[in-house]
């Protein structure tokens, strides 16, 4: 089983421990506090995720093991929690694994249905942007 799948299952398990969505939101806010914070120099217009209601910056780098490391920040605490979950799943993974990964775990924890329509669109935009970085790094690798 891929490590992405394992991380997703861990998140599903963690969210299932909470009885209601207030507790889950609080947990997401806590996760947001542990987010690998983006370097200030990457907080540029180019790194803002389009389609998000709040401002979310996302940056990715390939490490020496050919794995992508994501960092991010947001000006909204819930959004910070959402991107923290996605980074936990996709960071430190090879580009091809990120591209192959599904995101069904988001539906399994009920996240999309408990977000406002604009936040749900933002979630989709975050995933799309993370996959775009993976496409870019994957094609770089294939050209090398």
C-alpha atoms as a PDB file:
ATOM      1  CA  UNK A   1       0.000   0.000   0.000  1.00  0.00           C
ATOM      2  CA  UNK A   2       1.272   3.448  -0.847  1.00  0.00           C
ATOM      3  CA  UNK A   3       2.248   5.776   1.931  1.00  0.00           C
ATOM      4  CA  UNK A   4      -0.307   8.290   0.598  1.00  0.00           C
ATOM      5  CA  UNK A   5      -3.082   5.744   1.175  1.00  0.00           C
ATOM      6  CA  UNK A   6      -1.734   5.045   4.674  1.00  0.00           C
ATOM      7  CA  UNK A   7      -1.697   8.762   5.534  1.00  0.00           C
ATOM      8  CA  UNK A   8      -5.250   9.106   4.217  1.00  0.00           C
ATOM      9  CA  UNK A   9      -6.433   6.189   6.350  1.00  0.00           C
ATOM     10  CA  UNK A  10      -4.762   7.740   9.422  1.00  0.00           C
ATOM     11  CA  UNK A  11      -6.652  10.985   8.802  1.00  0.00           C
ATOM     12  CA  UNK A  12      -9.970   9.122   8.354  1.00  0.00           C
ATOM     13  CA  UNK A  13      -9.321   7.320  11.641  1.00  0.00           C
ATOM     14  CA  UNK A  14      -8.447  10.569  13.458  1.00  0.00           C
ATOM     15  CA  UNK A  15     -11.595  12.323  12.214  1.00  0.00           C
ATOM     16  CA  UNK A  16     -13.789   9.358  13.182  1.00  0.00           C
ATOM     17  CA  UNK A  17     -12.800   9.905  16.834  1.00  0.00           C
ATOM     18  CA  UNK A  18     -14.836  13.126  16.950  1.00  0.00           C
ATOM     19  CA  UNK A  19     -18.588  13.067  17.510  1.00  0.00           C
ATOM     20  CA  UNK A  20     -19.508  16.330  15.861  1.00  0.00           C
ATOM     21  CA  UNK A  21     -18.255  18.857  13.366  1.00  0.00           C
ATOM     22  CA  UNK A  22     -17.376  21.495  15.946  1.00  0.00           C
ATOM     23  CA  UNK A  23     -14.760  19.102  17.334  1.00  0.00           C
ATOM     24  CA  UNK A  24     -13.532  18.341  13.807  1.00  0.00           C
ATOM     25  CA  UNK A  25     -13.202  22.049  13.010  1.00  0.00           C
ATOM     26  CA  UNK A  26     -11.230  22.547  16.218  1.00  0.00           C
ATOM     27  CA  UNK A  27      -8.985  19.634  15.217  1.00  0.00           C
ATOM     28  CA  UNK A  28      -8.470  21.159  11.769  1.00  0.00           C
ATOM     29  CA  UNK A  29      -7.512  24.463  13.379  1.00  0.00           C
ATOM     30  CA  UNK A  30      -4.961  22.583  15.520  1.00  0.00           C
ATOM     31  CA  UNK A  31      -3.584  20.871  12.396  1.00  0.00           C
ATOM     32  CA  UNK A  32      -3.265  24.274  10.761  1.00  0.00           C
ATOM     33  CA  UNK A  33      -1.006  25.392  13.596  1.00  0.00           C
ATOM     34  CA  UNK A  34       1.425  22.575  12.752  1.00  0.00           C
ATOM     35  CA  UNK A  35       1.570  23.539   9.078  1.00  0.00           C
ATOM     36  CA  UNK A  36       5.080  23.728   7.573  1.00  0.00           C
ATOM     37  CA  UNK A  37       5.050  27.488   7.102  1.00  0.00           C
ATOM     38  CA  UNK A  38       6.010  28.887   3.740  1.00  0.00           C
ATOM     39  CA  UNK A  39       9.087  31.113   3.580  1.00  0.00           C
ATOM     40  CA  UNK A  40       8.049  34.791   3.367  1.00  0.00           C
ATOM     41  CA  UNK A  41       9.851  35.123   0.013  1.00  0.00           C
ATOM     42  CA  UNK A  42       7.345  32.657  -1.501  1.00  0.00           C
ATOM     43  CA  UNK A  43       4.306  34.612  -0.316  1.00  0.00           C
ATOM     44  CA  UNK A  44       3.861  36.102  -3.766  1.00  0.00           C
ATOM     45  CA  UNK A  45       0.933  36.505  -6.136  1.00  0.00           C
ATOM     46  CA  UNK A  46       2.336  33.616  -8.211  1.00  0.00           C
ATOM     47  CA  UNK A  47       1.957  31.237  -5.263  1.00  0.00           C
ATOM     48  CA  UNK A  48      -1.580  32.246  -4.298  1.00  0.00           C
ATOM     49  CA  UNK A  49      -4.099  29.518  -5.068  1.00  0.00           C
ATOM     50  CA  UNK A  50      -6.731  30.875  -7.415  1.00  0.00           C
ATOM     51  CA  UNK A  51     -10.292  29.955  -6.538  1.00  0.00           C
ATOM     52  CA  UNK A  52      -9.915  30.234  -2.769  1.00  0.00           C
ATOM     53  CA  UNK A  53     -12.082  32.626  -0.793  1.00  0.00           C
ATOM     54  CA  UNK A  54      -9.228  33.375   1.589  1.00  0.00           C
ATOM     55  CA  UNK A  55      -5.600  33.892   0.667  1.00  0.00           C
ATOM     56  CA  UNK A  56      -3.648  30.633   0.476  1.00  0.00           C
ATOM     57  CA  UNK A  57      -0.028  30.487  -0.580  1.00  0.00           C
ATOM     58  CA  UNK A  58       1.419  27.156  -1.680  1.00  0.00           C
ATOM     59  CA  UNK A  59       4.994  26.406  -2.643  1.00  0.00           C
ATOM     60  CA  UNK A  60       6.645  23.134  -3.599  1.00  0.00           C
ATOM     61  CA  UNK A  61      10.253  21.998  -3.991  1.00  0.00           C
ATOM     62  CA  UNK A  62      11.756  18.721  -5.084  1.00  0.00           C
ATOM     63  CA  UNK A  63      14.218  17.294  -2.558  1.00  0.00           C
ATOM     64  CA  UNK A  64      17.302  15.183  -3.270  1.00  0.00           C
ATOM     65  CA  UNK A  65      15.202  11.983  -2.989  1.00  0.00           C
ATOM     66  CA  UNK A  66      12.999  13.133  -5.876  1.00  0.00           C
ATOM     67  CA  UNK A  67      10.111  13.796  -3.489  1.00  0.00           C
ATOM     68  CA  UNK A  68       8.031  16.953  -3.347  1.00  0.00           C
ATOM     69  CA  UNK A  69       7.983  19.025  -0.161  1.00  0.00           C
ATOM     70  CA  UNK A  70       5.049  21.433   0.131  1.00  0.00           C
ATOM     71  CA  UNK A  71       4.830  24.472   2.374  1.00  0.00           C
ATOM     72  CA  UNK A  72       1.867  26.810   2.705  1.00  0.00           C
ATOM     73  CA  UNK A  73       0.136  29.490   4.686  1.00  0.00           C
ATOM     74  CA  UNK A  74      -3.288  31.077   4.767  1.00  0.00           C
ATOM     75  CA  UNK A  75      -4.907  34.092   6.339  1.00  0.00           C
ATOM     76  CA  UNK A  76      -7.874  31.956   7.506  1.00  0.00           C
ATOM     77  CA  UNK A  77      -7.610  29.359  10.279  1.00  0.00           C
ATOM     78  CA  UNK A  78      -9.972  26.763   8.762  1.00  0.00           C
ATOM     79  CA  UNK A  79      -8.263  27.056   5.381  1.00  0.00           C
ATOM     80  CA  UNK A  80      -4.924  26.623   7.103  1.00  0.00           C
ATOM     81  CA  UNK A  81      -6.245  23.374   8.564  1.00  0.00           C
ATOM     82  CA  UNK A  82      -7.466  22.155   5.178  1.00  0.00           C
ATOM     83  CA  UNK A  83      -4.138  22.798   3.455  1.00  0.00           C
ATOM     84  CA  UNK A  84      -2.334  21.206   6.432  1.00  0.00           C
ATOM     85  CA  UNK A  85      -4.307  17.984   5.841  1.00  0.00           C
ATOM     86  CA  UNK A  86      -3.451  18.020   2.125  1.00  0.00           C
ATOM     87  CA  UNK A  87       0.230  18.709   2.812  1.00  0.00           C
ATOM     88  CA  UNK A  88       0.322  15.851   5.289  1.00  0.00           C
ATOM     89  CA  UNK A  89      -1.004  13.520   2.584  1.00  0.00           C
ATOM     90  CA  UNK A  90       1.000  14.733  -0.419  1.00  0.00           C
ATOM     91  CA  UNK A  91       4.256  16.102   1.003  1.00  0.00           C
ATOM     92  CA  UNK A  92       7.380  13.946   0.947  1.00  0.00           C
ATOM     93  CA  UNK A  93       5.986  11.870  -1.922  1.00  0.00           C
ATOM     94  CA  UNK A  94       7.195  11.266  -5.465  1.00  0.00           C
ATOM     95  CA  UNK A  95       5.379  13.272  -8.168  1.00  0.00           C
ATOM     96  CA  UNK A  96       3.980  10.172  -9.901  1.00  0.00           C
ATOM     97  CA  UNK A  97       2.463   8.954  -6.601  1.00  0.00           C
ATOM     98  CA  UNK A  98       0.791  12.328  -6.059  1.00  0.00           C
ATOM     99  CA  UNK A  99      -0.636  12.207  -9.574  1.00  0.00           C
ATOM    100  CA  UNK A 100      -1.937   8.656  -9.117  1.00  0.00           C
ATOM    101  CA  UNK A 101      -3.501   9.359  -5.691  1.00  0.00           C
ATOM    102  CA  UNK A 102      -7.220   9.732  -5.299  1.00  0.00           C
ATOM    103  CA  UNK A 103      -8.748  12.116  -2.806  1.00  0.00           C
ATOM    104  CA  UNK A 104     -11.725  10.002  -1.717  1.00  0.00           C
ATOM    105  CA  UNK A 105     -10.608  10.373   1.906  1.00  0.00           C
ATOM    106  CA  UNK A 106     -11.961  13.952   1.824  1.00  0.00           C
ATOM    107  CA  UNK A 107     -15.462  12.595   1.204  1.00  0.00           C
ATOM    108  CA  UNK A 108     -14.953   9.853   3.778  1.00  0.00           C
ATOM    109  CA  UNK A 109     -14.227  12.354   6.550  1.00  0.00           C
ATOM    110  CA  UNK A 110     -17.182  14.459   5.330  1.00  0.00           C
ATOM    111  CA  UNK A 111     -15.057  17.524   4.784  1.00  0.00           C
ATOM    112  CA  UNK A 112     -16.475  18.742   1.486  1.00  0.00           C
ATOM    113  CA  UNK A 113     -20.092  18.548   2.659  1.00  0.00           C
ATOM    114  CA  UNK A 114     -19.290  20.569   5.808  1.00  0.00           C
ATOM    115  CA  UNK A 115     -17.611  23.414   3.974  1.00  0.00           C
ATOM    116  CA  UNK A 116     -19.314  26.421   2.463  1.00  0.00           C
ATOM    117  CA  UNK A 117     -19.511  26.213  -1.363  1.00  0.00           C
ATOM    118  CA  UNK A 118     -16.688  28.756  -1.707  1.00  0.00           C
ATOM    119  CA  UNK A 119     -14.453  26.818   0.728  1.00  0.00           C
ATOM    120  CA  UNK A 120     -15.280  23.552  -1.085  1.00  0.00           C
ATOM    121  CA  UNK A 121     -14.192  25.217  -4.354  1.00  0.00           C
ATOM    122  CA  UNK A 122     -11.026  26.349  -2.595  1.00  0.00           C
ATOM    123  CA  UNK A 123     -10.353  22.775  -1.482  1.00  0.00           C
ATOM    124  CA  UNK A 124     -10.633  21.573  -5.085  1.00  0.00           C
ATOM    125  CA  UNK A 125      -8.297  24.407  -6.172  1.00  0.00           C
ATOM    126  CA  UNK A 126      -5.730  23.415  -3.507  1.00  0.00           C
ATOM    127  CA  UNK A 127      -5.681  19.800  -4.699  1.00  0.00           C
ATOM    128  CA  UNK A 128      -5.466  20.934  -8.311  1.00  0.00           C
ATOM    129  CA  UNK A 129      -2.503  23.207  -7.545  1.00  0.00           C
ATOM    130  CA  UNK A 130      -0.668  20.445  -5.644  1.00  0.00           C
ATOM    131  CA  UNK A 131      -1.182  18.107  -8.596  1.00  0.00           C
ATOM    132  CA  UNK A 132       0.032  20.844 -10.997  1.00  0.00           C
ATOM    133  CA  UNK A 133       3.309  21.021  -9.076  1.00  0.00           C
ATOM    134  CA  UNK A 134       3.534  17.222  -9.311  1.00  0.00           C
ATOM    135  CA  UNK A 135       2.957  17.370 -13.084  1.00  0.00           C
ATOM    136  CA  UNK A 136       5.681  20.000 -13.456  1.00  0.00           C
ATOM    137  CA  UNK A 137       8.231  18.073 -11.372  1.00  0.00           C
ATOM    138  CA  UNK A 138       7.282  14.784 -13.038  1.00  0.00           C
ATOM    139  CA  UNK A 139       7.919  16.200 -16.507  1.00  0.00           C
ATOM    140  CA  UNK A 140      11.241  17.694 -15.297  1.00  0.00           C
ATOM    141  CA  UNK A 141      12.282  14.245 -14.090  1.00  0.00           C
ATOM    142  CA  UNK A 142      11.283  12.635 -17.378  1.00  0.00           C
ATOM    143  CA  UNK A 143      13.369  15.151 -19.327  1.00  0.00           C
ATOM    144  CA  UNK A 144      16.457  14.688 -17.156  1.00  0.00           C
END
